[in-house]
């Protein structure tokens, strides 16, 4: 007798059951490679049926070694398209073809498979599927590593060859401390790691979020656990994290203001803060509040670790992409979506797409200052669209709201400039509580700049540098020698040039300098270098011999001077030559700063390169 089992009976263990009771004594079992491929895919995804099926194949191999049956693996592995179409019957069709090819009985507990096989004239042994009795079994007692967690333990850190450590305390006052004196052995780490994985598979309270070679991420109850192994890590390491506080929005300052803000209309919100500051805890409180006030709320997380109520569905990557998740959520039509965490360019673009589609979005972002969260959008989202994507920034520090910013666009002359023809769209970032402007973000000479305003909202500290740069460029366009600029207020500057250049800069009847003054909106007094009382001060107080920051090597192409900054996408940086400031720029989404050749900036940069000056980049 020959038998071809399908996936359903291999998962249920019905083949070995028949061997054990003697019904299949001496039979040849042809195991389709299509079944093996399906089980392997399920096991890799962390699904329990895949592991059960592989255990059944191991039992059949043991029966074959004992001579009770013969086992052969036949057929071919299913293609990716066939695996994707498993629910449409593609793999079942491969199994039926093998049963026909080998003249074997098809063993199945799939009713549809059985009926199709009979219709095709195959001999079928149909068995009733196993009733799942798992719900009647006692739940797992929990994780072995739970014994290390106290009421105020936020995270546990275990590594082979080191003493166990934990972060304990209140939010904002966490201490990283040893919790055992004996270093953990390799054997103990393997035991704990296996316990974490197996418990997550067996329990209805857990699942495997990610399983790759060297790294497993598990969600079990309110624990998020990362298990790292060689070759990904140099030793077995377990990091387990759980929330130590459950809050409501009323526990925070400005609760009434924020509740009104979130409910009056769908918003674009960035919740920012440093790691461990309490960002996710606040995001959970906001999600619960919105859900309780008749808003449909969903989450997008990888991994899923927000502790929200059962009415809030938590989504992760679909097909390996949050973009696919977003497409699906647009069909679900939530009022608000909590995106935890927004880190990469793809995350920001997906966040922006959903917000512009009309969904209220709450993003959780790592940032050391409130304004940094907004700056991470620069270069990833068109500048003019930022206020449509994000209108509120909430900065969390030590578990409490530290700052709330309003974000809006105005067409105005940036603070510190005076000429009306310099008016442009400006993103105005204001403190919600006081109403005072704190930052302006705008395009200046084709570069995006973020300028802090002082407490009175008057002259921005960065405008001096920008204005000086623009004046230098304008004067360099008509002067042949060295140029120094000294600013003497918002609307006045002194320019020092070579004596031979005085006539060129001023022009006939003062016409040329008047044109430059009109363009820049500033009065300029032209003098010779001999009249400069403090050359060092005219250089902005910077020493030409003290370059600081990250050293870069610009690439000169046919059209551009390119500075590669792959690790700083979206950041605003200053470019310096030999320690002297050249210009401020925002690193584009391609990871570079490009300066068009022929421009004044490019000429200064190329001149510095020719003089072998060290080119450095520092955060703006």
Protein backbone atom coordinates (compact mmCIF):
# COMPACT_ATOMS: atom_id res chain seq x y z
CA UNK A 1 0.00 0.00 0.00
CA UNK A 2 1.23 3.48 -0.88
CA UNK A 3 0.08 6.69 0.85
CA UNK A 4 0.46 10.39 -0.01
CA UNK A 5 -0.42 12.59 2.99
CA UNK A 6 -1.38 16.23 2.58
CA UNK A 7 -0.48 19.08 4.93
CA UNK A 8 -3.61 18.76 7.08
CA UNK A 9 -2.93 15.20 8.29
CA UNK A 10 0.80 15.83 8.77
CA UNK A 11 0.01 18.79 11.06
CA UNK A 12 -2.57 16.70 12.99
CA UNK A 13 -0.19 13.75 13.40
CA UNK A 14 -2.62 11.34 11.72
CA UNK A 15 0.01 9.49 9.68
CA UNK A 16 2.10 8.35 12.68
CA UNK A 17 -1.15 7.56 14.50
CA UNK A 18 -2.00 4.99 11.81
CA UNK A 19 1.50 3.57 11.86
CA UNK A 20 1.36 3.21 15.63
CA UNK A 21 -1.98 1.32 15.63
CA UNK A 22 -0.82 -1.04 12.85
CA UNK A 23 -3.07 0.17 10.02
CA UNK A 24 -0.12 1.46 8.00
CA UNK A 25 2.37 -1.28 8.83
CA UNK A 26 4.80 -1.78 5.93
CA UNK A 27 3.35 1.00 3.77
CA UNK A 28 5.39 3.41 1.68
CA UNK A 29 4.68 7.02 2.61
CA UNK A 30 5.38 9.46 -0.21
CA UNK A 31 5.80 12.86 1.45
CA UNK A 32 5.36 15.70 -1.07
CA UNK A 33 8.09 18.37 -1.02
CA UNK A 34 5.17 20.79 -1.36
CA UNK A 35 4.05 19.75 2.14
CA UNK A 36 7.58 20.23 3.52
CA UNK A 37 7.82 23.67 1.94
CA UNK A 38 4.47 24.76 3.37
CA UNK A 39 5.39 23.54 6.87
CA UNK A 40 8.79 25.24 6.72
CA UNK A 41 7.22 28.54 5.70
CA UNK A 42 4.75 28.35 8.60
CA UNK A 43 7.48 27.45 11.10
CA UNK A 44 9.69 30.32 9.91
CA UNK A 45 6.74 32.66 10.43
CA UNK A 46 6.40 31.39 14.01
CA UNK A 47 3.09 29.58 13.40
CA UNK A 48 2.47 26.56 15.61
CA UNK A 49 1.04 24.26 12.83
CA UNK A 50 4.37 24.46 11.01
CA UNK A 51 6.28 23.19 14.07
CA UNK A 52 3.72 20.45 14.73
CA UNK A 53 4.02 19.25 11.13
CA UNK A 54 7.84 19.14 11.30
CA UNK A 55 7.62 17.09 14.52
CA UNK A 56 5.33 14.64 12.70
CA UNK A 57 7.88 14.24 9.88
CA UNK A 58 10.55 13.47 12.50
CA UNK A 59 8.30 10.77 14.01
CA UNK A 60 7.80 9.22 10.57
CA UNK A 61 11.58 9.21 10.04
CA UNK A 62 11.99 7.29 13.31
CA UNK A 63 9.40 4.70 12.18
CA UNK A 64 11.29 4.35 8.90
CA UNK A 65 14.58 3.81 10.79
CA UNK A 66 12.86 1.02 12.77
CA UNK A 67 11.72 -0.63 9.52
CA UNK A 68 8.01 -0.22 10.21
CA UNK A 69 7.42 1.93 7.09
CA UNK A 70 9.26 3.26 4.09
CA UNK A 71 9.38 7.00 3.51
CA UNK A 72 10.27 8.91 0.37
CA UNK A 73 10.21 12.64 -0.33
CA UNK A 74 8.83 13.24 -3.81
CA UNK A 75 7.81 16.03 -6.13
CA UNK A 76 9.12 19.59 -6.18
CA UNK A 77 9.12 22.57 -3.87
CA UNK A 78 6.25 24.98 -4.50
CA UNK A 79 7.09 28.26 -6.18
CA UNK A 80 6.57 31.57 -4.39
CA UNK A 81 3.40 32.13 -6.45
CA UNK A 82 2.06 28.69 -5.51
CA UNK A 83 2.85 29.28 -1.83
CA UNK A 84 1.05 32.63 -2.02
CA UNK A 85 -1.89 30.85 -3.66
CA UNK A 86 -2.04 28.04 -1.10
CA UNK A 87 -5.47 29.23 0.01
CA UNK A 88 -6.65 28.93 -3.60
CA UNK A 89 -5.65 25.25 -3.78
CA UNK A 90 -2.35 25.48 -5.70
CA UNK A 91 -0.41 23.29 -3.23
CA UNK A 92 -3.32 20.85 -2.84
CA UNK A 93 -3.25 20.38 -6.62
CA UNK A 94 0.46 19.48 -6.53
CA UNK A 95 -0.25 16.86 -3.83
CA UNK A 96 -3.13 15.31 -5.82
CA UNK A 97 -0.90 15.07 -8.90
CA UNK A 98 1.67 13.10 -6.88
CA UNK A 99 -0.99 10.72 -5.56
CA UNK A 100 -2.03 10.05 -9.16
CA UNK A 101 1.59 9.67 -10.34
CA UNK A 102 2.47 7.08 -7.67
CA UNK A 103 -0.89 5.29 -7.67
CA UNK A 104 -1.18 6.05 -3.97
CA UNK A 105 -4.05 6.68 -1.58
CA UNK A 106 -4.47 10.34 -0.66
CA UNK A 107 -4.69 10.75 3.11
CA UNK A 108 -6.38 14.01 4.12
CA UNK A 109 -8.56 15.64 6.74
CA UNK A 110 -9.48 18.47 4.36
CA UNK A 111 -13.04 17.93 3.16
CA UNK A 112 -12.65 19.98 -0.02
CA UNK A 113 -9.38 18.22 -0.90
CA UNK A 114 -11.07 14.85 -0.42
CA UNK A 115 -14.04 15.69 -2.68
CA UNK A 116 -11.85 17.12 -5.45
CA UNK A 117 -9.59 14.03 -5.33
CA UNK A 118 -12.57 11.66 -5.58
CA UNK A 119 -13.90 13.66 -8.53
CA UNK A 120 -10.56 13.08 -10.24
CA UNK A 121 -10.80 9.33 -9.62
CA UNK A 122 -8.22 9.11 -6.84
CA UNK A 123 -8.47 6.71 -3.91
CA UNK A 124 -9.02 8.78 -0.78
CA UNK A 125 -8.64 8.00 2.93
CA UNK A 126 -10.50 10.84 4.64
CA UNK A 127 -10.17 11.28 8.40
CA UNK A 128 -11.99 13.77 10.58
CA UNK A 129 -9.77 16.70 11.59
CA UNK A 130 -8.44 16.75 15.14
CA UNK A 131 -10.55 18.88 17.45
CA UNK A 132 -8.38 21.58 19.04
CA UNK A 133 -8.41 20.90 22.76
CA UNK A 134 -5.73 23.45 23.58
CA UNK A 135 -8.29 25.70 25.25
CA UNK A 136 -8.94 22.96 27.78
CA UNK A 137 -5.27 22.70 28.68
CA UNK A 138 -3.88 24.81 31.50
CA UNK A 139 -2.17 28.01 30.42
CA UNK A 140 1.58 28.18 30.60
CA UNK A 141 2.83 29.38 33.97
CA UNK A 142 4.87 32.15 32.41
CA UNK A 143 8.45 32.97 31.58
CA UNK A 144 11.38 31.83 33.67
CA UNK A 145 12.94 35.29 33.46
CA UNK A 146 9.85 36.92 35.02
CA UNK A 147 11.36 36.22 38.44
CA UNK A 148 13.81 39.12 37.83
CA UNK A 149 11.03 41.67 37.38
CA UNK A 150 9.93 43.73 40.36
CA UNK A 151 7.12 46.27 40.37
CA UNK A 152 9.44 49.09 39.28
CA UNK A 153 11.57 47.13 36.77
CA UNK A 154 11.32 48.55 33.27
CA UNK A 155 13.84 46.34 31.47
CA UNK A 156 15.98 43.26 32.03
CA UNK A 157 19.39 42.78 30.39
CA UNK A 158 20.92 39.29 30.31
CA UNK A 159 24.10 38.29 28.49
CA UNK A 160 26.28 35.22 28.58
CA UNK A 161 29.34 35.75 30.77
CA UNK A 162 28.05 38.87 32.54
CA UNK A 163 26.04 39.65 35.65
CA UNK A 164 22.29 40.12 35.09
CA UNK A 165 21.28 43.79 35.07
CA UNK A 166 18.02 45.71 35.08
CA UNK A 167 16.71 49.24 34.77
CA UNK A 168 14.62 50.03 37.83
CA UNK A 169 12.95 53.13 39.23
CA UNK A 170 10.34 55.66 38.20
CA UNK A 171 10.03 57.19 34.73
CA UNK A 172 12.78 59.79 34.38
CA UNK A 173 14.72 58.33 37.32
CA UNK A 174 15.76 54.92 36.05
CA UNK A 175 18.95 53.30 37.34
CA UNK A 176 20.90 50.60 35.51
CA UNK A 177 21.94 48.17 38.24
CA UNK A 178 23.24 44.65 38.85
CA UNK A 179 20.59 42.27 40.16
CA UNK A 180 22.76 39.16 40.69
CA UNK A 181 26.41 38.62 41.54
CA UNK A 182 27.10 35.46 39.54
CA UNK A 183 27.75 35.83 35.78
CA UNK A 184 25.26 33.97 33.63
CA UNK A 185 26.54 30.83 31.90
CA UNK A 186 26.08 30.01 28.22
CA UNK A 187 23.92 27.03 29.18
CA UNK A 188 21.63 29.16 31.34
CA UNK A 189 21.25 31.75 28.57
CA UNK A 190 20.32 29.05 26.06
CA UNK A 191 17.77 27.66 28.50
CA UNK A 192 16.19 31.08 29.04
CA UNK A 193 16.21 31.85 25.31
CA UNK A 194 14.52 28.56 24.45
CA UNK A 195 11.95 29.13 27.19
CA UNK A 196 11.08 32.56 25.78
CA UNK A 197 10.57 31.27 22.22
CA UNK A 198 8.65 28.12 23.18
CA UNK A 199 6.42 29.93 25.68
CA UNK A 200 5.49 32.54 23.08
CA UNK A 201 4.63 29.81 20.57
CA UNK A 202 2.56 27.77 23.00
CA UNK A 203 0.64 30.55 24.74
CA UNK A 204 -2.36 32.44 23.41
CA UNK A 205 -0.85 35.49 25.20
CA UNK A 206 2.24 35.55 23.02
CA UNK A 207 3.48 35.58 19.46
CA UNK A 208 6.77 35.84 17.59
CA UNK A 209 7.00 39.28 16.00
CA UNK A 210 10.26 38.67 14.12
CA UNK A 211 12.34 35.58 13.50
CA UNK A 212 15.59 35.93 11.57
CA UNK A 213 18.94 34.19 11.77
CA UNK A 214 20.46 35.47 14.99
CA UNK A 215 17.47 37.50 16.21
CA UNK A 216 13.99 36.73 17.54
CA UNK A 217 11.60 39.37 18.85
CA UNK A 218 8.76 38.09 21.01
CA UNK A 219 5.68 39.77 22.43
CA UNK A 220 4.43 37.91 25.52
CA UNK A 221 1.72 39.54 27.61
CA UNK A 222 3.13 43.03 28.29
CA UNK A 223 6.78 41.98 27.75
CA UNK A 224 8.67 42.75 24.55
CA UNK A 225 11.68 40.43 24.43
CA UNK A 226 14.60 40.46 22.01
CA UNK A 227 16.73 37.30 21.86
CA UNK A 228 20.02 37.79 19.99
CA UNK A 229 22.41 34.97 19.09
CA UNK A 230 25.63 34.56 17.11
CA UNK A 231 26.42 35.33 14.33
CA UNK A 232 24.21 38.43 14.66
CA UNK A 233 25.51 39.06 18.20
CA UNK A 234 28.84 37.98 19.64
CA UNK A 235 27.07 36.14 22.49
CA UNK A 236 23.55 35.11 23.48
CA UNK A 237 21.73 38.15 24.83
CA UNK A 238 18.18 38.66 26.09
CA UNK A 239 16.61 42.08 26.54
CA UNK A 240 13.11 42.16 28.00
CA UNK A 241 11.15 45.42 28.30
CA UNK A 242 7.76 46.20 29.79
CA UNK A 243 5.90 49.41 30.65
CA UNK A 244 6.16 50.46 34.29
CA UNK A 245 3.33 52.97 34.23
CA UNK A 246 -0.21 53.10 32.91
CA UNK A 247 -1.49 56.63 32.63
CA UNK A 248 -4.50 58.57 31.41
CA UNK A 249 -4.36 61.88 29.59
CA UNK A 250 -5.62 63.62 32.75
CA UNK A 251 -2.33 62.70 34.47
CA UNK A 252 -0.47 65.18 32.27
CA UNK A 253 -0.09 68.95 32.29
CA UNK A 254 -2.22 70.81 29.72
CA UNK A 255 -4.65 67.88 29.68
CA UNK A 256 -7.74 70.02 28.94
CA UNK A 257 -5.98 71.95 26.18
CA UNK A 258 -4.75 68.74 24.55
CA UNK A 259 -8.13 67.00 24.83
CA UNK A 260 -9.82 69.92 23.06
CA UNK A 261 -7.08 69.99 20.45
CA UNK A 262 -7.32 66.26 19.66
CA UNK A 263 -11.13 66.14 19.51
CA UNK A 264 -11.97 69.36 17.65
CA UNK A 265 -10.57 67.86 14.44
CA UNK A 266 -8.15 65.19 13.30
CA UNK A 267 -4.60 66.32 13.92
CA UNK A 268 -1.06 65.55 12.84
CA UNK A 269 0.92 65.07 16.06
CA UNK A 270 4.52 64.12 16.79
CA UNK A 271 5.18 62.83 20.32
CA UNK A 272 8.92 63.20 20.86
CA UNK A 273 11.49 62.58 23.56
CA UNK A 274 14.62 60.64 24.36
CA UNK A 275 14.55 56.83 24.90
CA UNK A 276 12.80 55.94 28.17
CA UNK A 277 11.27 59.41 28.58
CA UNK A 278 7.69 58.09 28.48
CA UNK A 279 6.69 58.79 24.85
CA UNK A 280 4.88 55.48 24.31
CA UNK A 281 3.16 55.75 27.70
CA UNK A 282 1.72 59.14 26.70
CA UNK A 283 0.77 57.82 23.24
CA UNK A 284 -1.16 54.99 24.92
CA UNK A 285 -2.99 57.49 27.12
CA UNK A 286 -3.96 59.58 24.08
CA UNK A 287 -5.12 56.49 22.16
CA UNK A 288 -7.30 55.34 25.07
CA UNK A 289 -8.80 58.83 25.50
CA UNK A 290 -9.68 59.09 21.80
CA UNK A 291 -11.18 55.60 21.79
CA UNK A 292 -13.32 56.46 24.82
CA UNK A 293 -14.57 59.57 23.02
CA UNK A 294 -16.02 57.80 19.98
CA UNK A 295 -13.00 57.94 17.67
CA UNK A 296 -11.97 54.82 15.74
CA UNK A 297 -8.32 54.29 16.72
CA UNK A 298 -5.76 51.87 15.26
CA UNK A 299 -2.02 51.49 15.74
CA UNK A 300 0.91 50.79 13.41
CA UNK A 301 3.81 49.20 15.27
CA UNK A 302 6.86 47.06 14.65
CA UNK A 303 7.12 45.42 17.08
CA UNK A 304 3.66 45.71 18.64
CA UNK A 305 4.20 46.75 22.24
CA UNK A 306 1.75 49.56 23.02
CA UNK A 307 -0.46 48.53 25.95
CA UNK A 308 -3.89 49.55 24.68
CA UNK A 309 -7.37 48.20 25.26
CA UNK A 310 -8.97 45.39 23.22
CA UNK A 311 -11.04 47.81 21.14
CA UNK A 312 -7.89 49.25 19.54
CA UNK A 313 -6.51 46.92 16.87
CA UNK A 314 -2.72 46.85 16.63
CA UNK A 315 -1.30 46.38 13.13
CA UNK A 316 2.28 45.57 12.14
CA UNK A 317 4.05 45.38 8.77
CA UNK A 318 2.01 43.80 5.97
CA UNK A 319 4.16 41.94 3.49
CA UNK A 320 7.25 43.45 5.10
CA UNK A 321 6.12 47.04 4.50
CA UNK A 322 4.36 49.68 6.59
CA UNK A 323 3.27 51.25 3.30
CA UNK A 324 1.13 48.17 2.66
CA UNK A 325 -0.24 48.46 6.20
CA UNK A 326 -1.18 52.07 5.51
CA UNK A 327 -2.98 51.08 2.30
CA UNK A 328 -5.02 48.54 4.27
CA UNK A 329 -5.79 51.02 7.04
CA UNK A 330 -7.18 53.49 4.51
CA UNK A 331 -9.77 50.82 3.71
CA UNK A 332 -10.55 50.46 7.44
CA UNK A 333 -11.02 54.26 7.71
CA UNK A 334 -9.76 54.99 11.24
CA UNK A 335 -10.21 58.47 12.71
CA UNK A 336 -6.77 58.31 14.32
CA UNK A 337 -3.75 56.07 13.85
CA UNK A 338 -0.89 55.87 16.35
CA UNK A 339 2.40 55.20 14.49
CA UNK A 340 5.05 53.81 16.85
CA UNK A 341 7.89 54.43 15.96
CA UNK A 342 8.54 56.86 13.08
CA UNK A 343 12.26 56.60 12.36
CA UNK A 344 13.24 55.94 8.76
CA UNK A 345 12.49 57.93 5.63
CA UNK A 346 9.87 55.37 4.59
CA UNK A 347 8.14 55.80 7.96
CA UNK A 348 7.95 59.59 7.59
CA UNK A 349 6.67 59.30 4.02
CA UNK A 350 3.99 56.78 5.05
CA UNK A 351 3.02 59.00 8.01
CA UNK A 352 2.70 61.99 5.68
CA UNK A 353 0.68 60.08 3.07
CA UNK A 354 -1.86 58.95 5.66
CA UNK A 355 -2.12 62.41 7.19
CA UNK A 356 -2.69 64.04 3.80
CA UNK A 357 -5.36 61.41 3.12
CA UNK A 358 -7.31 62.86 6.04
CA UNK A 359 -6.43 60.39 8.82
CA UNK A 360 -5.51 61.84 12.21
CA UNK A 361 -1.95 60.72 12.85
CA UNK A 362 0.02 60.46 16.11
CA UNK A 363 3.67 59.57 15.54
CA UNK A 364 6.18 58.58 18.22
CA UNK A 365 9.65 59.95 17.40
CA UNK A 366 13.04 59.83 19.11
CA UNK A 367 14.39 63.36 19.58
CA UNK A 368 16.52 65.19 22.13
CA UNK A 369 14.64 68.49 21.64
CA UNK A 370 11.09 69.28 20.56
CA UNK A 371 12.26 71.09 17.41
CA UNK A 372 14.42 68.10 16.40
CA UNK A 373 11.27 66.02 15.85
CA UNK A 374 10.03 68.55 13.31
CA UNK A 375 13.43 68.89 11.64
CA UNK A 376 13.42 65.16 10.93
CA UNK A 377 10.62 65.86 8.43
CA UNK A 378 12.82 68.32 6.53
CA UNK A 379 14.15 66.66 3.40
CA UNK A 380 11.62 63.85 3.71
CA UNK A 381 8.47 65.93 3.19
CA UNK A 382 8.18 69.02 1.01
CA UNK A 383 8.77 72.06 3.20
CA UNK A 384 5.46 73.72 2.39
CA UNK A 385 3.55 70.55 3.30
CA UNK A 386 5.02 70.12 6.79
CA UNK A 387 2.30 72.13 8.62
CA UNK A 388 -0.36 70.07 6.80
CA UNK A 389 1.36 66.88 7.98
CA UNK A 390 2.24 67.97 11.55
CA UNK A 391 0.47 70.80 13.35
CA UNK A 392 1.39 69.79 16.92
CA UNK A 393 4.65 68.65 18.54
CA UNK A 394 4.54 67.28 22.10
CA UNK A 395 7.89 66.82 23.85
CA UNK A 396 8.02 64.38 26.79
CA UNK A 397 10.71 64.55 29.45
CA UNK A 398 10.89 62.38 32.60
CA UNK A 399 7.37 61.10 31.99
CA UNK A 400 5.77 64.55 31.80
CA UNK A 401 4.88 66.99 29.04
CA UNK A 402 7.73 69.47 28.80
CA UNK A 403 6.81 71.43 25.67
CA UNK A 404 3.93 71.65 23.19
CA UNK A 405 4.50 73.47 19.91
CA UNK A 406 2.00 74.77 17.33
CA UNK A 407 3.14 74.54 13.73
CA UNK A 408 1.66 76.77 11.02
CA UNK A 409 2.64 78.62 7.85
CA UNK A 410 2.70 82.39 7.34
CA UNK A 411 3.85 84.46 4.38
CA UNK A 412 6.14 87.04 5.97
CA UNK A 413 9.60 88.53 6.06
CA UNK A 414 11.68 86.24 8.28
CA UNK A 415 12.63 87.77 11.61
CA UNK A 416 15.92 89.63 11.37
CA UNK A 417 15.44 90.62 7.71
CA UNK A 418 13.81 93.88 6.67
CA UNK A 419 13.19 94.17 2.93
CA UNK A 420 9.58 93.52 1.98
CA UNK A 421 10.63 91.73 -1.20
CA UNK A 422 12.26 89.07 1.03
CA UNK A 423 8.81 87.89 2.15
CA UNK A 424 8.29 84.15 1.70
CA UNK A 425 6.33 81.23 3.21
CA UNK A 426 7.70 80.70 6.72
CA UNK A 427 6.90 77.79 9.03
CA UNK A 428 6.29 79.38 12.40
CA UNK A 429 6.80 77.15 15.44
CA UNK A 430 5.21 78.64 18.58
CA UNK A 431 4.92 77.60 22.21
CA UNK A 432 1.29 76.55 22.69
CA UNK A 433 1.15 77.62 26.33
CA UNK A 434 2.58 81.14 25.90
CA UNK A 435 1.82 81.76 22.23
CA UNK A 436 5.38 83.05 21.68
CA UNK A 437 7.19 82.15 18.43
CA UNK A 438 10.19 79.91 19.10
CA UNK A 439 11.52 78.96 15.65
CA UNK A 440 11.16 79.87 12.01
CA UNK A 441 11.84 77.41 9.21
CA UNK A 442 12.14 78.70 5.64
CA UNK A 443 14.12 78.52 2.42
CA UNK A 444 17.02 80.93 2.17
CA UNK A 445 19.12 80.89 -0.99
CA UNK A 446 17.72 77.46 -1.92
CA UNK A 447 18.68 75.99 1.46
CA UNK A 448 16.27 75.12 4.27
CA UNK A 449 17.20 76.85 7.53
CA UNK A 450 15.77 76.48 11.04
CA UNK A 451 16.30 79.69 12.97
CA UNK A 452 15.70 79.94 16.74
CA UNK A 453 14.11 83.13 18.01
CA UNK A 454 15.06 84.74 21.31
CA UNK A 455 12.59 85.17 24.17
CA UNK A 456 11.23 88.41 22.76
CA UNK A 457 10.71 86.86 19.34
CA UNK A 458 13.00 89.44 17.77
CA UNK A 459 16.29 88.74 16.06
CA UNK A 460 17.01 85.08 15.43
CA UNK A 461 20.44 83.94 16.51
CA UNK A 462 21.09 82.28 13.15
CA UNK A 463 20.15 85.20 10.89
CA UNK A 464 23.42 87.04 11.53
CA UNK A 465 25.33 84.16 10.04
CA UNK A 466 22.98 83.81 7.08
CA UNK A 467 22.91 87.54 6.37
CA UNK A 468 26.71 87.71 6.55
CA UNK A 469 26.93 84.84 4.09
CA UNK A 470 24.57 86.53 1.61
CA UNK A 471 26.41 89.86 1.83
CA UNK A 472 29.74 88.11 1.22
CA UNK A 473 28.34 86.40 -1.87
CA UNK A 474 26.97 89.63 -3.30
CA UNK A 475 30.20 91.56 -2.74
CA UNK A 476 32.32 88.65 -4.05
CA UNK A 477 30.37 88.87 -7.31
CA UNK A 478 31.92 92.30 -7.98
CA UNK A 479 35.11 92.29 -5.86
CA UNK A 480 38.29 90.49 -6.91
CA UNK A 481 40.08 90.33 -3.57
CA UNK A 482 39.35 89.23 0.00
CA UNK A 483 36.06 90.34 1.60
CA UNK A 484 35.21 90.65 5.31
CA UNK A 485 31.74 91.49 6.64
CA UNK A 486 30.86 92.97 10.02
CA UNK A 487 27.17 93.15 10.96
CA UNK A 488 26.09 96.13 13.02
CA UNK A 489 22.45 95.30 13.69
CA UNK A 490 19.52 93.90 11.76
CA UNK A 491 19.71 96.37 8.87
CA UNK A 492 23.30 97.61 8.73
CA UNK A 493 26.69 96.11 7.83
CA UNK A 494 30.25 97.20 7.15
CA UNK A 495 32.09 95.51 4.29
CA UNK A 496 35.90 95.54 4.16
CA UNK A 497 37.49 95.01 0.73
CA UNK A 498 40.83 95.54 -0.95
CA UNK A 499 41.55 99.20 -1.77
CA UNK A 500 41.61 98.43 -5.50
CA UNK A 501 38.10 96.94 -5.23
CA UNK A 502 36.42 99.98 -3.64
CA UNK A 503 35.40 101.52 -6.97
CA UNK A 504 34.13 98.20 -8.35
CA UNK A 505 31.96 97.53 -5.29
CA UNK A 506 30.50 101.04 -5.02
CA UNK A 507 30.00 101.49 -8.76
CA UNK A 508 29.45 104.67 -10.69
CA UNK A 509 27.60 107.16 -8.52
CA UNK A 510 27.09 104.41 -5.91
CA UNK A 511 24.71 102.57 -8.24
CA UNK A 512 26.14 99.07 -7.77
CA UNK A 513 26.16 99.06 -3.97
CA UNK A 514 22.65 100.59 -3.97
CA UNK A 515 21.39 97.65 -6.06
CA UNK A 516 22.95 95.19 -3.59
CA UNK A 517 21.40 97.05 -0.65
CA UNK A 518 17.98 96.93 -2.30
CA UNK A 519 18.25 93.20 -2.97
CA UNK A 520 19.32 92.37 0.59
CA UNK A 521 17.27 94.99 2.46
CA UNK A 522 20.28 96.18 4.43
CA UNK A 523 22.48 99.31 4.47
CA UNK A 524 26.11 98.57 3.59
CA UNK A 525 29.12 100.75 4.39
CA UNK A 526 32.12 99.88 2.19
CA UNK A 527 35.62 100.34 3.65
CA UNK A 528 39.16 99.10 3.06
CA UNK A 529 40.82 96.36 5.13
CA UNK A 530 43.16 99.00 6.55
CA UNK A 531 40.12 100.58 8.26
CA UNK A 532 39.12 97.27 9.91
CA UNK A 533 39.96 97.57 13.66
CA UNK A 534 39.42 93.86 14.44
CA UNK A 535 39.93 91.44 11.54
CA UNK A 536 39.27 88.41 13.75
CA UNK A 537 35.89 89.79 14.80
CA UNK A 538 34.97 90.43 11.19
CA UNK A 539 35.41 86.73 10.59
CA UNK A 540 32.62 85.97 13.01
CA UNK A 541 35.00 85.17 15.87
CA UNK A 542 36.02 81.85 14.36
CA UNK A 543 39.60 80.75 14.16
CA UNK A 544 40.64 79.70 10.67
CA UNK A 545 42.99 77.15 12.12
CA UNK A 546 40.53 75.18 14.24
CA UNK A 547 38.33 73.00 12.06
CA UNK A 548 35.74 71.03 14.02
CA UNK A 549 33.08 68.46 13.18
CA UNK A 550 32.99 65.59 10.73
CA UNK A 551 35.62 65.69 7.99
CA UNK A 552 34.21 65.21 4.48
CA UNK A 553 35.67 64.97 0.99
CA UNK A 554 33.45 66.82 -1.53
CA UNK A 555 33.10 65.32 -4.99
CA UNK A 556 33.22 67.71 -7.94
CA UNK A 557 31.02 66.63 -10.87
CA UNK A 558 30.22 68.37 -14.13
CA UNK A 559 27.33 70.30 -12.58
CA UNK A 560 27.63 70.10 -8.83
CA UNK A 561 29.91 69.97 -5.83
CA UNK A 562 28.53 67.04 -3.82
CA UNK A 563 29.06 66.33 -0.13
CA UNK A 564 27.97 62.83 0.89
CA UNK A 565 26.21 62.67 4.28
CA UNK A 566 24.32 59.34 4.24
CA UNK A 567 23.97 59.20 8.03
CA UNK A 568 22.44 62.68 8.30
CA UNK A 569 19.40 62.63 5.98
CA UNK A 570 17.06 65.49 6.84
CA UNK A 571 19.51 67.17 9.24
CA UNK A 572 20.52 70.82 8.96
CA UNK A 573 24.31 71.19 8.91
CA UNK A 574 26.97 73.88 8.57
CA UNK A 575 29.77 73.40 6.04
CA UNK A 576 33.13 74.90 6.97
CA UNK A 577 36.51 75.18 5.29
CA UNK A 578 39.54 75.31 7.54
CA UNK A 579 37.21 76.21 10.40
CA UNK A 580 35.61 79.16 8.54
CA UNK A 581 31.86 79.06 8.00
CA UNK A 582 30.82 78.68 4.35
CA UNK A 583 27.10 77.91 4.29
CA UNK A 584 24.19 76.10 5.98
CA UNK A 585 22.29 73.32 4.20
CA UNK A 586 19.80 70.53 4.78
CA UNK A 587 20.92 67.04 3.77
CA UNK A 588 18.54 65.81 1.08
CA UNK A 589 16.70 62.50 1.09
CA UNK A 590 19.41 61.09 -1.18
CA UNK A 591 21.93 61.57 1.62
CA UNK A 592 23.90 64.44 0.11
CA UNK A 593 24.29 68.21 -0.13
CA UNK A 594 24.57 69.45 -3.71
CA UNK A 595 25.85 72.91 -4.62
CA UNK A 596 25.46 74.05 -8.23
CA UNK A 597 28.79 74.83 -9.86
CA UNK A 598 29.12 78.44 -10.89
CA UNK A 599 27.34 79.69 -7.78
CA UNK A 600 29.21 81.81 -5.24
CA UNK A 601 29.03 79.01 -2.67
CA UNK A 602 30.47 76.46 -5.09
CA UNK A 603 33.29 78.81 -6.05
CA UNK A 604 34.22 79.34 -2.39
CA UNK A 605 34.08 75.60 -1.75
CA UNK A 606 36.15 74.71 -4.80
CA UNK A 607 38.66 77.42 -3.91
CA UNK A 608 38.99 75.92 -0.41
CA UNK A 609 39.48 72.45 -1.91
CA UNK A 610 42.17 73.78 -4.25
CA UNK A 611 43.95 75.32 -1.25
CA UNK A 612 43.88 71.89 0.47
CA UNK A 613 41.76 73.24 3.32
CA UNK A 614 40.00 70.69 5.50
CA UNK A 615 36.26 70.62 4.77
CA UNK A 616 34.15 69.80 7.84
CA UNK A 617 30.45 69.50 8.60
CA UNK A 618 28.86 70.23 11.98
CA UNK A 619 25.20 70.23 13.12
CA UNK A 620 23.60 73.61 12.51
